[in-house]
Amino acid sequence: MKGADAEDIALRHLQAQGLQLLQRNFRAKGGELDLVLRERGRGGDTLVIVEVRKRSGARFGSAAESVDARKRQRIVIAARWLLATQPALATLAVRFDVLTLDANDRVEWIRNAFDAS
C-alpha cells in the first residue's frame, strides 16, 4: 500500500466523522501536511492538521511512534506557513492529530497528538 492509499482511507474515516477536507498534501519549505481539515463544533471551528502513518508491523516501532520530534517540528513549520499564506484559516483554533493504520488497515485516530510548542 502506498502513502496515498493510506491517506485515502484516513480521509474517508475523517469525513465519515464530519470533518471537511480543505487541503491534501500541502507542501511548504521544510515540511508537508498530509491532510488539512475543518471540524465544526459548538464552540467554533477547528483547523485539524492530520499526519497519516501506516505500518505493516511493529518491528521498527508503532506508526504513532514514527511521528518523532523531528517530524512534529516539520509539521508545525508547514502549518505555520499554511496559516501565514491563508489568513482566513489563521482565525481558527488549530489541532494536530495523528491517524494510524495497522497492517489490517484498522484506524486509530489520536486527537491532540501534539502541540506547536
N, C-alpha and C. Protein backbone atom coordinates (compact mmCIF):
# COMPACT_ATOMS: atom_id res chain seq x y z
N MET A 1 0.84 -1.18 0.00
CA MET A 1 0.00 0.00 0.00
C MET A 1 0.88 1.24 0.00
N LYS A 2 0.55 2.16 -0.86
CA LYS A 2 1.30 3.42 -0.93
C LYS A 2 0.73 4.42 0.07
N GLY A 3 1.51 5.47 0.31
CA GLY A 3 1.08 6.51 1.24
C GLY A 3 -0.25 7.13 0.84
N ALA A 4 -0.44 7.33 -0.47
CA ALA A 4 -1.69 7.92 -0.95
C ALA A 4 -2.88 7.02 -0.62
N ASP A 5 -2.69 5.71 -0.67
CA ASP A 5 -3.77 4.79 -0.34
C ASP A 5 -4.14 4.91 1.15
N ALA A 6 -3.13 5.00 1.99
CA ALA A 6 -3.37 5.17 3.42
C ALA A 6 -4.09 6.49 3.68
N GLU A 7 -3.69 7.54 2.97
CA GLU A 7 -4.35 8.84 3.13
C GLU A 7 -5.80 8.77 2.67
N ASP A 8 -6.08 8.01 1.62
CA ASP A 8 -7.47 7.84 1.15
C ASP A 8 -8.33 7.22 2.25
N ILE A 9 -7.81 6.17 2.88
CA ILE A 9 -8.55 5.50 3.96
C ILE A 9 -8.75 6.47 5.12
N ALA A 10 -7.69 7.18 5.48
CA ALA A 10 -7.77 8.14 6.58
C ALA A 10 -8.80 9.23 6.27
N LEU A 11 -8.76 9.74 5.07
CA LEU A 11 -9.67 10.81 4.69
C LEU A 11 -11.13 10.33 4.76
N ARG A 12 -11.40 9.16 4.24
CA ARG A 12 -12.76 8.63 4.30
C ARG A 12 -13.23 8.50 5.76
N HIS A 13 -12.33 8.02 6.60
CA HIS A 13 -12.67 7.87 8.02
C HIS A 13 -13.00 9.23 8.64
N LEU A 14 -12.17 10.22 8.39
CA LEU A 14 -12.37 11.54 8.98
C LEU A 14 -13.62 12.22 8.43
N GLN A 15 -13.87 12.07 7.14
CA GLN A 15 -15.07 12.65 6.56
C GLN A 15 -16.32 11.99 7.12
N ALA A 16 -16.25 10.70 7.39
CA ALA A 16 -17.38 10.00 8.00
C ALA A 16 -17.66 10.52 9.41
N GLN A 17 -16.64 11.11 10.04
CA GLN A 17 -16.79 11.70 11.37
C GLN A 17 -17.21 13.17 11.29
N GLY A 18 -17.44 13.66 10.07
CA GLY A 18 -17.95 15.02 9.88
C GLY A 18 -16.91 16.08 9.55
N LEU A 19 -15.65 15.71 9.41
CA LEU A 19 -14.64 16.71 9.07
C LEU A 19 -14.67 16.99 7.57
N GLN A 20 -14.32 18.22 7.23
CA GLN A 20 -14.34 18.67 5.83
C GLN A 20 -12.91 18.89 5.35
N LEU A 21 -12.57 18.25 4.23
CA LEU A 21 -11.23 18.40 3.66
C LEU A 21 -11.05 19.81 3.11
N LEU A 22 -9.95 20.45 3.49
CA LEU A 22 -9.57 21.75 2.93
C LEU A 22 -8.41 21.60 1.95
N GLN A 23 -7.40 20.82 2.36
CA GLN A 23 -6.24 20.60 1.50
C GLN A 23 -5.64 19.24 1.79
N ARG A 24 -4.98 18.74 0.78
CA ARG A 24 -4.29 17.46 0.91
C ARG A 24 -2.87 17.64 0.39
N ASN A 25 -1.92 17.09 1.12
CA ASN A 25 -0.50 17.16 0.74
C ASN A 25 -0.04 18.59 0.52
N PHE A 26 -0.33 19.45 1.49
CA PHE A 26 0.14 20.83 1.42
C PHE A 26 1.64 20.84 1.65
N ARG A 27 2.37 21.38 0.70
CA ARG A 27 3.83 21.40 0.79
C ARG A 27 4.31 22.82 1.09
N ALA A 28 5.25 22.88 1.99
CA ALA A 28 5.90 24.13 2.35
C ALA A 28 7.37 23.84 2.53
N LYS A 29 8.18 24.87 2.40
CA LYS A 29 9.61 24.68 2.63
C LYS A 29 9.80 24.17 4.05
N GLY A 30 10.37 22.99 4.16
CA GLY A 30 10.65 22.43 5.46
C GLY A 30 9.64 21.40 5.94
N GLY A 31 8.53 21.19 5.20
CA GLY A 31 7.59 20.21 5.67
C GLY A 31 6.39 20.03 4.76
N GLU A 32 5.57 19.06 5.10
CA GLU A 32 4.36 18.76 4.35
C GLU A 32 3.25 18.36 5.32
N LEU A 33 2.03 18.73 4.95
CA LEU A 33 0.87 18.35 5.74
C LEU A 33 0.06 17.35 4.94
N ASP A 34 -0.16 16.17 5.49
CA ASP A 34 -0.90 15.14 4.77
C ASP A 34 -2.33 15.58 4.50
N LEU A 35 -3.05 15.91 5.56
CA LEU A 35 -4.45 16.31 5.44
C LEU A 35 -4.71 17.56 6.28
N VAL A 36 -5.42 18.49 5.71
CA VAL A 36 -5.85 19.70 6.41
C VAL A 36 -7.37 19.72 6.33
N LEU A 37 -8.00 19.69 7.49
CA LEU A 37 -9.46 19.58 7.54
C LEU A 37 -10.05 20.62 8.48
N ARG A 38 -11.35 20.81 8.34
CA ARG A 38 -12.08 21.69 9.25
C ARG A 38 -13.09 20.83 10.01
N GLU A 39 -13.08 21.03 11.33
CA GLU A 39 -14.06 20.35 12.17
C GLU A 39 -14.97 21.41 12.75
N ARG A 40 -16.25 21.25 12.51
CA ARG A 40 -17.23 22.22 13.02
C ARG A 40 -17.66 21.79 14.41
N GLY A 41 -17.70 22.77 15.30
CA GLY A 41 -18.09 22.47 16.68
C GLY A 41 -18.93 23.58 17.27
N ARG A 42 -19.55 23.28 18.38
CA ARG A 42 -20.39 24.27 19.05
C ARG A 42 -19.59 25.49 19.47
N GLY A 43 -18.37 25.26 19.90
CA GLY A 43 -17.53 26.37 20.36
C GLY A 43 -16.78 27.05 19.24
N GLY A 44 -17.04 26.67 18.00
CA GLY A 44 -16.35 27.25 16.85
C GLY A 44 -15.64 26.16 16.06
N ASP A 45 -15.17 26.56 14.91
CA ASP A 45 -14.49 25.61 14.03
C ASP A 45 -13.03 25.42 14.44
N THR A 46 -12.52 24.25 14.12
CA THR A 46 -11.11 23.93 14.40
C THR A 46 -10.45 23.49 13.11
N LEU A 47 -9.25 24.01 12.87
CA LEU A 47 -8.41 23.56 11.77
C LEU A 47 -7.66 22.34 12.28
N VAL A 48 -7.85 21.21 11.61
CA VAL A 48 -7.25 19.96 12.07
C VAL A 48 -6.18 19.53 11.07
N ILE A 49 -4.95 19.50 11.53
CA ILE A 49 -3.80 19.06 10.73
C ILE A 49 -3.57 17.60 11.09
N VAL A 50 -3.64 16.72 10.07
CA VAL A 50 -3.55 15.29 10.35
C VAL A 50 -2.35 14.68 9.65
N GLU A 51 -1.52 14.02 10.42
CA GLU A 51 -0.41 13.23 9.91
C GLU A 51 -0.89 11.79 9.82
N VAL A 52 -0.77 11.20 8.64
CA VAL A 52 -1.24 9.83 8.42
C VAL A 52 -0.02 8.91 8.38
N ARG A 53 -0.08 7.83 9.17
CA ARG A 53 1.02 6.87 9.21
C ARG A 53 0.48 5.46 9.06
N LYS A 54 1.17 4.68 8.27
CA LYS A 54 0.82 3.27 8.04
C LYS A 54 2.05 2.45 8.35
N ARG A 55 1.87 1.41 9.12
CA ARG A 55 2.95 0.48 9.41
C ARG A 55 2.43 -0.93 9.20
N SER A 56 3.22 -1.74 8.52
CA SER A 56 2.80 -3.13 8.29
C SER A 56 3.13 -4.01 9.49
N GLY A 57 3.99 -3.53 10.37
CA GLY A 57 4.34 -4.29 11.56
C GLY A 57 5.00 -3.38 12.57
N ALA A 58 5.25 -3.88 13.75
CA ALA A 58 5.82 -3.07 14.83
C ALA A 58 7.32 -3.27 14.98
N ARG A 59 7.95 -3.87 14.00
CA ARG A 59 9.37 -4.19 14.10
C ARG A 59 10.21 -2.95 14.40
N PHE A 60 9.86 -1.82 13.78
CA PHE A 60 10.61 -0.58 13.99
C PHE A 60 9.82 0.41 14.82
N GLY A 61 8.91 -0.08 15.63
CA GLY A 61 8.07 0.78 16.45
C GLY A 61 6.70 0.96 15.80
N SER A 62 5.81 1.52 16.57
CA SER A 62 4.44 1.70 16.08
C SER A 62 4.38 2.86 15.10
N ALA A 63 3.28 2.93 14.37
CA ALA A 63 3.08 4.04 13.45
C ALA A 63 3.06 5.37 14.20
N ALA A 64 2.41 5.40 15.35
CA ALA A 64 2.35 6.64 16.14
C ALA A 64 3.74 7.06 16.61
N GLU A 65 4.56 6.08 17.00
CA GLU A 65 5.92 6.39 17.47
C GLU A 65 6.79 6.96 16.35
N SER A 66 6.42 6.70 15.11
CA SER A 66 7.23 7.22 14.00
C SER A 66 7.06 8.72 13.80
N VAL A 67 6.09 9.31 14.48
CA VAL A 67 5.93 10.77 14.44
C VAL A 67 6.76 11.33 15.58
N ASP A 68 8.07 11.35 15.33
CA ASP A 68 9.02 11.77 16.36
C ASP A 68 9.15 13.29 16.42
N ALA A 69 10.02 13.78 17.29
CA ALA A 69 10.17 15.23 17.49
C ALA A 69 10.54 15.95 16.20
N ARG A 70 11.40 15.36 15.41
CA ARG A 70 11.80 16.00 14.15
C ARG A 70 10.62 16.09 13.18
N LYS A 71 9.84 15.02 13.08
CA LYS A 71 8.67 15.02 12.20
C LYS A 71 7.64 16.02 12.68
N ARG A 72 7.42 16.06 13.99
CA ARG A 72 6.47 17.03 14.54
C ARG A 72 6.90 18.46 14.23
N GLN A 73 8.19 18.73 14.34
CA GLN A 73 8.71 20.06 14.05
C GLN A 73 8.45 20.43 12.58
N ARG A 74 8.65 19.50 11.68
CA ARG A 74 8.41 19.76 10.26
C ARG A 74 6.93 20.02 9.97
N ILE A 75 6.06 19.31 10.68
CA ILE A 75 4.62 19.53 10.53
C ILE A 75 4.24 20.92 11.02
N VAL A 76 4.78 21.31 12.17
CA VAL A 76 4.48 22.63 12.73
C VAL A 76 4.98 23.73 11.80
N ILE A 77 6.17 23.57 11.23
CA ILE A 77 6.70 24.57 10.28
C ILE A 77 5.77 24.71 9.08
N ALA A 78 5.32 23.59 8.54
CA ALA A 78 4.40 23.63 7.40
C ALA A 78 3.07 24.26 7.79
N ALA A 79 2.59 23.96 8.99
CA ALA A 79 1.33 24.53 9.45
C ALA A 79 1.44 26.05 9.61
N ARG A 80 2.56 26.50 10.12
CA ARG A 80 2.76 27.96 10.26
C ARG A 80 2.78 28.63 8.89
N TRP A 81 3.37 27.98 7.92
CA TRP A 81 3.40 28.52 6.55
C TRP A 81 1.97 28.56 5.98
N LEU A 82 1.23 27.50 6.19
CA LEU A 82 -0.16 27.45 5.73
C LEU A 82 -0.95 28.63 6.32
N LEU A 83 -0.84 28.84 7.61
CA LEU A 83 -1.57 29.92 8.27
C LEU A 83 -1.11 31.30 7.80
N ALA A 84 0.18 31.43 7.51
CA ALA A 84 0.71 32.71 7.04
C ALA A 84 0.23 33.03 5.62
N THR A 85 0.05 32.00 4.82
CA THR A 85 -0.34 32.22 3.42
C THR A 85 -1.85 32.20 3.21
N GLN A 86 -2.60 31.73 4.21
CA GLN A 86 -4.06 31.69 4.10
C GLN A 86 -4.67 32.29 5.36
N PRO A 87 -4.72 33.62 5.41
CA PRO A 87 -5.15 34.33 6.62
C PRO A 87 -6.52 33.91 7.15
N ALA A 88 -7.44 33.49 6.28
CA ALA A 88 -8.77 33.09 6.74
C ALA A 88 -8.67 31.88 7.68
N LEU A 89 -7.70 31.02 7.47
CA LEU A 89 -7.52 29.85 8.33
C LEU A 89 -6.89 30.22 9.66
N ALA A 90 -6.14 31.33 9.68
CA ALA A 90 -5.43 31.74 10.89
C ALA A 90 -6.37 32.14 12.02
N THR A 91 -7.65 32.35 11.70
CA THR A 91 -8.61 32.73 12.73
C THR A 91 -9.14 31.50 13.49
N LEU A 92 -8.86 30.32 12.98
CA LEU A 92 -9.37 29.10 13.59
C LEU A 92 -8.42 28.55 14.66
N ALA A 93 -8.99 27.87 15.62
CA ALA A 93 -8.17 27.09 16.56
C ALA A 93 -7.50 25.99 15.75
N VAL A 94 -6.29 25.59 16.13
CA VAL A 94 -5.54 24.57 15.39
C VAL A 94 -5.29 23.37 16.30
N ARG A 95 -5.47 22.18 15.72
CA ARG A 95 -5.20 20.94 16.45
C ARG A 95 -4.37 20.03 15.56
N PHE A 96 -3.40 19.35 16.16
CA PHE A 96 -2.54 18.40 15.44
C PHE A 96 -2.93 16.98 15.85
N ASP A 97 -3.40 16.22 14.87
CA ASP A 97 -3.81 14.84 15.10
C ASP A 97 -2.90 13.90 14.33
N VAL A 98 -2.86 12.66 14.77
CA VAL A 98 -2.17 11.59 14.04
C VAL A 98 -3.20 10.49 13.82
N LEU A 99 -3.27 10.00 12.60
CA LEU A 99 -4.15 8.89 12.29
C LEU A 99 -3.28 7.75 11.78
N THR A 100 -3.36 6.62 12.46
CA THR A 100 -2.51 5.48 12.10
C THR A 100 -3.35 4.34 11.54
N LEU A 101 -2.72 3.57 10.69
CA LEU A 101 -3.32 2.37 10.13
C LEU A 101 -2.38 1.21 10.42
N ASP A 102 -2.94 0.10 10.87
CA ASP A 102 -2.11 -1.06 11.10
C ASP A 102 -2.08 -1.93 9.84
N ALA A 103 -1.52 -3.10 9.95
CA ALA A 103 -1.37 -3.99 8.79
C ALA A 103 -2.72 -4.39 8.18
N ASN A 104 -3.77 -4.35 8.99
CA ASN A 104 -5.12 -4.71 8.51
C ASN A 104 -5.96 -3.47 8.21
N ASP A 105 -5.31 -2.32 8.13
CA ASP A 105 -5.96 -1.03 7.86
C ASP A 105 -6.96 -0.62 8.94
N ARG A 106 -6.75 -1.11 10.16
CA ARG A 106 -7.55 -0.61 11.28
C ARG A 106 -7.05 0.78 11.63
N VAL A 107 -7.99 1.67 11.87
CA VAL A 107 -7.69 3.08 12.10
C VAL A 107 -7.61 3.37 13.59
N GLU A 108 -6.59 4.11 13.96
CA GLU A 108 -6.51 4.72 15.30
C GLU A 108 -6.35 6.21 15.08
N TRP A 109 -7.28 6.99 15.60
CA TRP A 109 -7.26 8.44 15.43
C TRP A 109 -6.85 9.05 16.77
N ILE A 110 -5.68 9.66 16.80
CA ILE A 110 -5.15 10.27 18.02
C ILE A 110 -5.34 11.77 17.91
N ARG A 111 -6.37 12.25 18.59
CA ARG A 111 -6.65 13.70 18.60
C ARG A 111 -5.68 14.39 19.55
N ASN A 112 -5.30 15.62 19.19
CA ASN A 112 -4.36 16.38 20.03
C ASN A 112 -3.11 15.58 20.31
N ALA A 113 -2.57 14.96 19.27
CA ALA A 113 -1.39 14.10 19.42
C ALA A 113 -0.17 14.89 19.89
N PHE A 114 -0.10 16.15 19.49
CA PHE A 114 1.00 17.02 19.93
C PHE A 114 0.56 18.46 19.73
N ASP A 115 1.37 19.40 20.25
CA ASP A 115 1.06 20.81 20.04
C ASP A 115 2.22 21.49 19.35
N ALA A 116 2.07 22.76 19.09
CA ALA A 116 3.07 23.50 18.31
C ALA A 116 4.26 23.95 19.11
N SER A 117 4.29 23.67 20.40
CA SER A 117 5.43 24.15 21.21
C SER A 117 6.63 23.24 21.09
